[in-house]
Amino acid sequence: MALSKGKEVKLAPNIRLTTPLVRRDGRLQPTTWDDAVKTAVDGLRAVQAEHGGEALGLFSCSKATNETNYLAQKFARTVLGTNNIDSCNRT
């Protein structure tokens, strides 16, 4: 698994996640992909409803294509309602 800034982490095949996890009652529980996505969406919507879009932010990748970064900023501004976008271009 490659990380930014040239750092790398090697994961053994037997410790890789094969199913999504959702935190319930303080513990991570296996769940379906549909439930994991719904939980994430519900969490983002709750933050947006309580604090507004500016409480959210988005990280993109400076190594991604211009088109990908354009879509990321468009999503952040139109869907999330935030201008808090960072693509780590300062490396």
C-alpha atoms as a PDB file:
ATOM      1  CA  MET A   1       0.000   0.000   0.000  1.00  0.00           C
ATOM      2  CA  ALA A   2       1.600   3.267  -1.069  1.00  0.00           C
ATOM      3  CA  LEU A   3       1.147   6.420   0.979  1.00  0.00           C
ATOM      4  CA  SER A   4       1.855  10.025   0.077  1.00  0.00           C
ATOM      5  CA  LYS A   5       5.291  11.517   0.618  1.00  0.00           C
ATOM      6  CA  GLY A   6       6.945   8.279  -0.489  1.00  0.00           C
ATOM      7  CA  LYS A   7       6.126   6.269   2.651  1.00  0.00           C
ATOM      8  CA  GLU A   8       5.014   2.710   2.212  1.00  0.00           C
ATOM      9  CA  VAL A   9       3.253   0.210   4.428  1.00  0.00           C
ATOM     10  CA  LYS A  10       3.244  -3.501   3.723  1.00  0.00           C
ATOM     11  CA  LEU A  11       0.139  -5.391   4.791  1.00  0.00           C
ATOM     12  CA  ALA A  12       0.088  -9.129   5.193  1.00  0.00           C
ATOM     13  CA  PRO A  13      -2.718 -10.730   3.142  1.00  0.00           C
ATOM     14  CA  ASN A  14      -4.253 -12.332   6.215  1.00  0.00           C
ATOM     15  CA  ILE A  15      -4.865  -8.993   7.975  1.00  0.00           C
ATOM     16  CA  ARG A  16      -6.633  -7.231   5.121  1.00  0.00           C
ATOM     17  CA  LEU A  17     -10.239  -6.281   5.610  1.00  0.00           C
ATOM     18  CA  THR A  18     -12.620  -8.325   3.497  1.00  0.00           C
ATOM     19  CA  THR A  19     -15.831  -6.709   4.715  1.00  0.00           C
ATOM     20  CA  PRO A  20     -16.685  -3.133   5.726  1.00  0.00           C
ATOM     21  CA  LEU A  21     -16.850  -2.214   9.407  1.00  0.00           C
ATOM     22  CA  VAL A  22     -19.187   0.261  11.116  1.00  0.00           C
ATOM     23  CA  ARG A  23     -18.766   1.540  14.662  1.00  0.00           C
ATOM     24  CA  ARG A  24     -21.803   0.680  16.813  1.00  0.00           C
ATOM     25  CA  ASP A  25     -21.885   1.068  20.590  1.00  0.00           C
ATOM     26  CA  GLY A  26     -18.178   1.959  20.507  1.00  0.00           C
ATOM     27  CA  ARG A  27     -17.127  -1.220  18.715  1.00  0.00           C
ATOM     28  CA  LEU A  28     -16.412  -1.977  15.071  1.00  0.00           C
ATOM     29  CA  GLN A  29     -18.956  -4.415  13.663  1.00  0.00           C
ATOM     30  CA  PRO A  30     -18.924  -6.155  10.263  1.00  0.00           C
ATOM     31  CA  THR A  31     -21.670  -4.947   7.949  1.00  0.00           C
ATOM     32  CA  THR A  32     -22.723  -4.890   4.303  1.00  0.00           C
ATOM     33  CA  TRP A  33     -21.387  -2.375   1.799  1.00  0.00           C
ATOM     34  CA  ASP A  34     -24.847  -0.848   1.438  1.00  0.00           C
ATOM     35  CA  ASP A  35     -25.101  -0.318   5.200  1.00  0.00           C
ATOM     36  CA  ALA A  36     -21.552   1.078   5.410  1.00  0.00           C
ATOM     37  CA  VAL A  37     -22.233   3.618   2.651  1.00  0.00           C
ATOM     38  CA  LYS A  38     -25.593   4.558   4.205  1.00  0.00           C
ATOM     39  CA  THR A  39     -23.925   5.051   7.594  1.00  0.00           C
ATOM     40  CA  ALA A  40     -21.271   7.319   6.035  1.00  0.00           C
ATOM     41  CA  VAL A  41     -23.887   9.327   4.115  1.00  0.00           C
ATOM     42  CA  ASP A  42     -26.053   9.698   7.231  1.00  0.00           C
ATOM     43  CA  GLY A  43     -23.043  10.917   9.210  1.00  0.00           C
ATOM     44  CA  LEU A  44     -22.076  13.497   6.586  1.00  0.00           C
ATOM     45  CA  ARG A  45     -25.678  14.698   6.312  1.00  0.00           C
ATOM     46  CA  ALA A  46     -25.943  15.054  10.092  1.00  0.00           C
ATOM     47  CA  VAL A  47     -22.786  17.198  10.245  1.00  0.00           C
ATOM     48  CA  GLN A  48     -23.967  19.267   7.286  1.00  0.00           C
ATOM     49  CA  ALA A  49     -27.424  19.800   8.832  1.00  0.00           C
ATOM     50  CA  GLU A  50     -26.062  20.785  12.241  1.00  0.00           C
ATOM     51  CA  HIS A  51     -23.008  22.840  11.242  1.00  0.00           C
ATOM     52  CA  GLY A  52     -23.432  23.654   7.545  1.00  0.00           C
ATOM     53  CA  GLY A  53     -21.354  22.648   4.555  1.00  0.00           C
ATOM     54  CA  GLU A  54     -18.302  24.578   5.728  1.00  0.00           C
ATOM     55  CA  ALA A  55     -17.902  22.022   8.543  1.00  0.00           C
ATOM     56  CA  LEU A  56     -16.947  19.467   5.887  1.00  0.00           C
ATOM     57  CA  GLY A  57     -13.815  19.216   3.793  1.00  0.00           C
ATOM     58  CA  LEU A  58     -12.386  17.108   1.022  1.00  0.00           C
ATOM     59  CA  PHE A  59      -8.883  15.882   0.255  1.00  0.00           C
ATOM     60  CA  SER A  60      -7.943  15.158  -3.323  1.00  0.00           C
ATOM     61  CA  CYS A  61      -4.605  14.034  -4.725  1.00  0.00           C
ATOM     62  CA  SER A  62      -2.100  16.256  -6.467  1.00  0.00           C
ATOM     63  CA  LYS A  63      -1.002  13.218  -8.509  1.00  0.00           C
ATOM     64  CA  ALA A  64      -4.521  12.649  -9.866  1.00  0.00           C
ATOM     65  CA  THR A  65      -5.507  13.943 -13.271  1.00  0.00           C
ATOM     66  CA  ASN A  66      -6.864  17.455 -13.692  1.00  0.00           C
ATOM     67  CA  GLU A  67     -10.214  15.922 -14.585  1.00  0.00           C
ATOM     68  CA  THR A  68     -10.353  13.916 -11.356  1.00  0.00           C
ATOM     69  CA  ASN A  69      -9.424  16.927  -9.257  1.00  0.00           C
ATOM     70  CA  TYR A  70     -11.986  19.030 -11.116  1.00  0.00           C
ATOM     71  CA  LEU A  71     -14.707  16.479 -10.311  1.00  0.00           C
ATOM     72  CA  ALA A  72     -13.598  16.361  -6.674  1.00  0.00           C
ATOM     73  CA  GLN A  73     -13.835  20.139  -6.243  1.00  0.00           C
ATOM     74  CA  LYS A  74     -17.155  20.212  -8.123  1.00  0.00           C
ATOM     75  CA  PHE A  75     -18.535  17.528  -5.789  1.00  0.00           C
ATOM     76  CA  ALA A  76     -17.278  19.387  -2.710  1.00  0.00           C
ATOM     77  CA  ARG A  77     -18.814  22.683  -3.786  1.00  0.00           C
ATOM     78  CA  THR A  78     -22.127  21.487  -5.228  1.00  0.00           C
ATOM     79  CA  VAL A  79     -22.955  18.418  -3.108  1.00  0.00           C
ATOM     80  CA  LEU A  80     -21.208  19.058   0.196  1.00  0.00           C
ATOM     81  CA  GLY A  81     -21.582  22.840   0.067  1.00  0.00           C
ATOM     82  CA  THR A  82     -17.987  23.537   1.059  1.00  0.00           C
ATOM     83  CA  ASN A  83     -14.955  25.308  -0.350  1.00  0.00           C
ATOM     84  CA  ASN A  84     -12.684  23.362   2.032  1.00  0.00           C
ATOM     85  CA  ILE A  85     -10.703  21.420  -0.556  1.00  0.00           C
ATOM     86  CA  ASP A  86      -7.052  20.417  -0.356  1.00  0.00           C
ATOM     87  CA  SER A  87      -5.017  18.504  -2.887  1.00  0.00           C
ATOM     88  CA  CYS A  88      -1.655  18.538  -1.072  1.00  0.00           C
ATOM     89  CA  ASN A  89       0.035  20.524  -3.852  1.00  0.00           C
ATOM     90  CA  ARG A  90       2.661  21.911  -1.478  1.00  0.00           C
ATOM     91  CA  THR A  91       5.006  18.906  -1.630  1.00  0.00           C
END
